[in-house]
Structures are given as C-alpha cells and as structure tokens.
C-alpha atoms as a PDB file:
ATOM      1  CA  MET A   1      30.369  44.161 166.518  1.00  0.00           C
ATOM      2  CA  ALA A   2      29.749  41.015 168.515  1.00  0.00           C
ATOM      3  CA  GLU A   3      31.912  40.507 171.582  1.00  0.00           C
ATOM      4  CA  ARG A   4      34.282  37.556 171.408  1.00  0.00           C
ATOM      5  CA  PRO A   5      35.752  35.776 174.377  1.00  0.00           C
ATOM      6  CA  ALA A   6      39.409  36.652 174.906  1.00  0.00           C
ATOM      7  CA  THR A   7      41.158  33.449 173.932  1.00  0.00           C
ATOM      8  CA  ARG A   8      44.389  32.747 172.127  1.00  0.00           C
ATOM      9  CA  SER A   9      42.557  31.362 169.099  1.00  0.00           C
ATOM     10  CA  THR A  10      40.436  34.532 168.912  1.00  0.00           C
ATOM     11  CA  ALA A  11      43.572  36.676 169.078  1.00  0.00           C
ATOM     12  CA  LEU A  12      45.190  34.612 166.301  1.00  0.00           C
ATOM     13  CA  ALA A  13      42.051  34.856 164.171  1.00  0.00           C
ATOM     14  CA  LEU A  14      41.965  38.625 164.615  1.00  0.00           C
ATOM     15  CA  ALA A  15      45.666  38.874 163.769  1.00  0.00           C
ATOM     16  CA  ASP A  16      45.073  36.854 160.580  1.00  0.00           C
ATOM     17  CA  GLU A  17      42.144  39.071 159.669  1.00  0.00           C
ATOM     18  CA  ARG A  18      44.265  42.167 160.241  1.00  0.00           C
ATOM     19  CA  THR A  19      47.046  40.756 158.054  1.00  0.00           C
ATOM     20  CA  LEU A  20      44.565  39.998 155.274  1.00  0.00           C
ATOM     21  CA  MET A  21      43.124  43.501 155.501  1.00  0.00           C
ATOM     22  CA  ARG A  22      46.595  45.039 155.219  1.00  0.00           C
ATOM     23  CA  GLN A  23      47.349  42.855 152.190  1.00  0.00           C
ATOM     24  CA  GLY A  24      44.056  43.929 150.663  1.00  0.00           C
ATOM     25  CA  TYR A  25      44.854  47.601 151.179  1.00  0.00           C
ATOM     26  CA  ARG A  26      48.310  47.136 149.622  1.00  0.00           C
ATOM     27  CA  PHE A  27      46.730  45.334 146.672  1.00  0.00           C
ATOM     28  CA  LEU A  28      44.170  48.126 146.201  1.00  0.00           C
ATOM     29  CA  ASP A  29      46.906  50.751 146.456  1.00  0.00           C
ATOM     30  CA  GLU A  30      48.893  48.997 143.713  1.00  0.00           C
ATOM     31  CA  LYS A  31      45.768  48.838 141.546  1.00  0.00           C
ATOM     32  CA  ARG A  32      45.112  52.535 142.199  1.00  0.00           C
ATOM     33  CA  MET A  33      48.630  53.414 141.067  1.00  0.00           C
ATOM     34  CA  LEU A  34      48.286  51.274 137.926  1.00  0.00           C
ATOM     35  CA  LEU A  35      44.974  52.932 137.131  1.00  0.00           C
ATOM     36  CA  ALA A  36      46.383  56.419 137.669  1.00  0.00           C
ATOM     37  CA  THR A  37      49.353  55.607 135.408  1.00  0.00           C
ATOM     38  CA  GLU A  38      47.049  54.314 132.672  1.00  0.00           C
ATOM     39  CA  MET A  39      44.806  57.377 132.975  1.00  0.00           C
ATOM     40  CA  LEU A  40      47.813  59.696 132.556  1.00  0.00           C
ATOM     41  CA  ARG A  41      49.050  57.682 129.578  1.00  0.00           C
ATOM     42  CA  ARG A  42      45.653  57.949 127.905  1.00  0.00           C
ATOM     43  CA  LEU A  43      45.458  61.654 128.697  1.00  0.00           C
ATOM     44  CA  ASP A  44      48.810  62.174 126.960  1.00  0.00           C
ATOM     45  CA  ALA A  45      47.545  60.177 123.963  1.00  0.00           C
ATOM     46  CA  HIS A  46      44.387  62.302 123.899  1.00  0.00           C
ATOM     47  CA  HIS A  47      46.425  65.506 123.910  1.00  0.00           C
ATOM     48  CA  ALA A  48      48.557  64.226 121.025  1.00  0.00           C
ATOM     49  CA  LEU A  49      45.445  63.256 119.073  1.00  0.00           C
ATOM     50  CA  GLU A  50      43.875  66.646 119.782  1.00  0.00           C
ATOM     51  CA  ALA A  51      47.006  68.395 118.478  1.00  0.00           C
ATOM     52  CA  ARG A  52      46.836  66.319 115.267  1.00  0.00           C
ATOM     53  CA  LEU A  53      43.148  67.199 114.882  1.00  0.00           C
ATOM     54  CA  LEU A  54      43.829  70.928 115.254  1.00  0.00           C
ATOM     55  CA  GLU A  55      46.644  70.751 112.715  1.00  0.00           C
ATOM     56  CA  SER A  56      44.383  68.874 110.286  1.00  0.00           C
ATOM     57  CA  GLN A  57      41.662  71.494 110.770  1.00  0.00           C
ATOM     58  CA  ARG A  58      44.145  74.270 110.036  1.00  0.00           C
ATOM     59  CA  ALA A  59      45.333  72.481 106.894  1.00  0.00           C
ATOM     60  CA  ALA A  60      41.741  71.908 105.748  1.00  0.00           C
ATOM     61  CA  ALA A  61      40.856  75.572 106.318  1.00  0.00           C
ATOM     62  CA  ALA A  62      43.941  76.660 104.362  1.00  0.00           C
ATOM     63  CA  ALA A  63      43.040  74.302 101.501  1.00  0.00           C
ATOM     64  CA  LEU A  64      39.481  75.636 101.466  1.00  0.00           C
ATOM     65  CA  ARG A  65      40.731  79.231 101.357  1.00  0.00           C
ATOM     66  CA  ALA A  66      43.096  78.384  98.520  1.00  0.00           C
ATOM     67  CA  GLY A  67      40.310  76.624  96.620  1.00  0.00           C
ATOM     68  CA  LEU A  68      37.930  79.540  97.060  1.00  0.00           C
ATOM     69  CA  GLN A  69      40.558  82.049  95.917  1.00  0.00           C
ATOM     70  CA  ARG A  70      41.191  80.014  92.767  1.00  0.00           C
ATOM     71  CA  HIS A  71      37.508  80.028  91.784  1.00  0.00           C
END
C-alpha cells in the first residue's frame, strides 16, 4: 500500500473509506441472510415435493399390483 502523508484530508478520506467498507459489509451480510432464507424455503419446498412424489409412486405401484392381480 502506498504511503500517504499524514494530513487531515487524508485522515478524513480514510475515515470515509472505512465507513463505506462497513456499509458494504452490512449490505453483504443482509444479502447473505436473504439468500440463506430463500435457500431454506426452497429446501422445504423440495422436501414437500419429494414427499408428494413418493406418495404418487406408492399409489402407482399399488395400482399396478391391483391391475396385475385382476388379469
């Protein structure tokens, strides 16, 4: 990192940069939480869909057995 002369304007510029970095980290943390929430929501939806699929497979297997027993 290049050395800067120690002046008041340099200190103010560094303070502004630090404030912007903190805001950026807060923004990214909020985005991370939103993403994690959405991922969990979709995981729950996937589990519900998987349960419906398994139930449909069971019903189809039962119907096939019943059809085969009839013939």
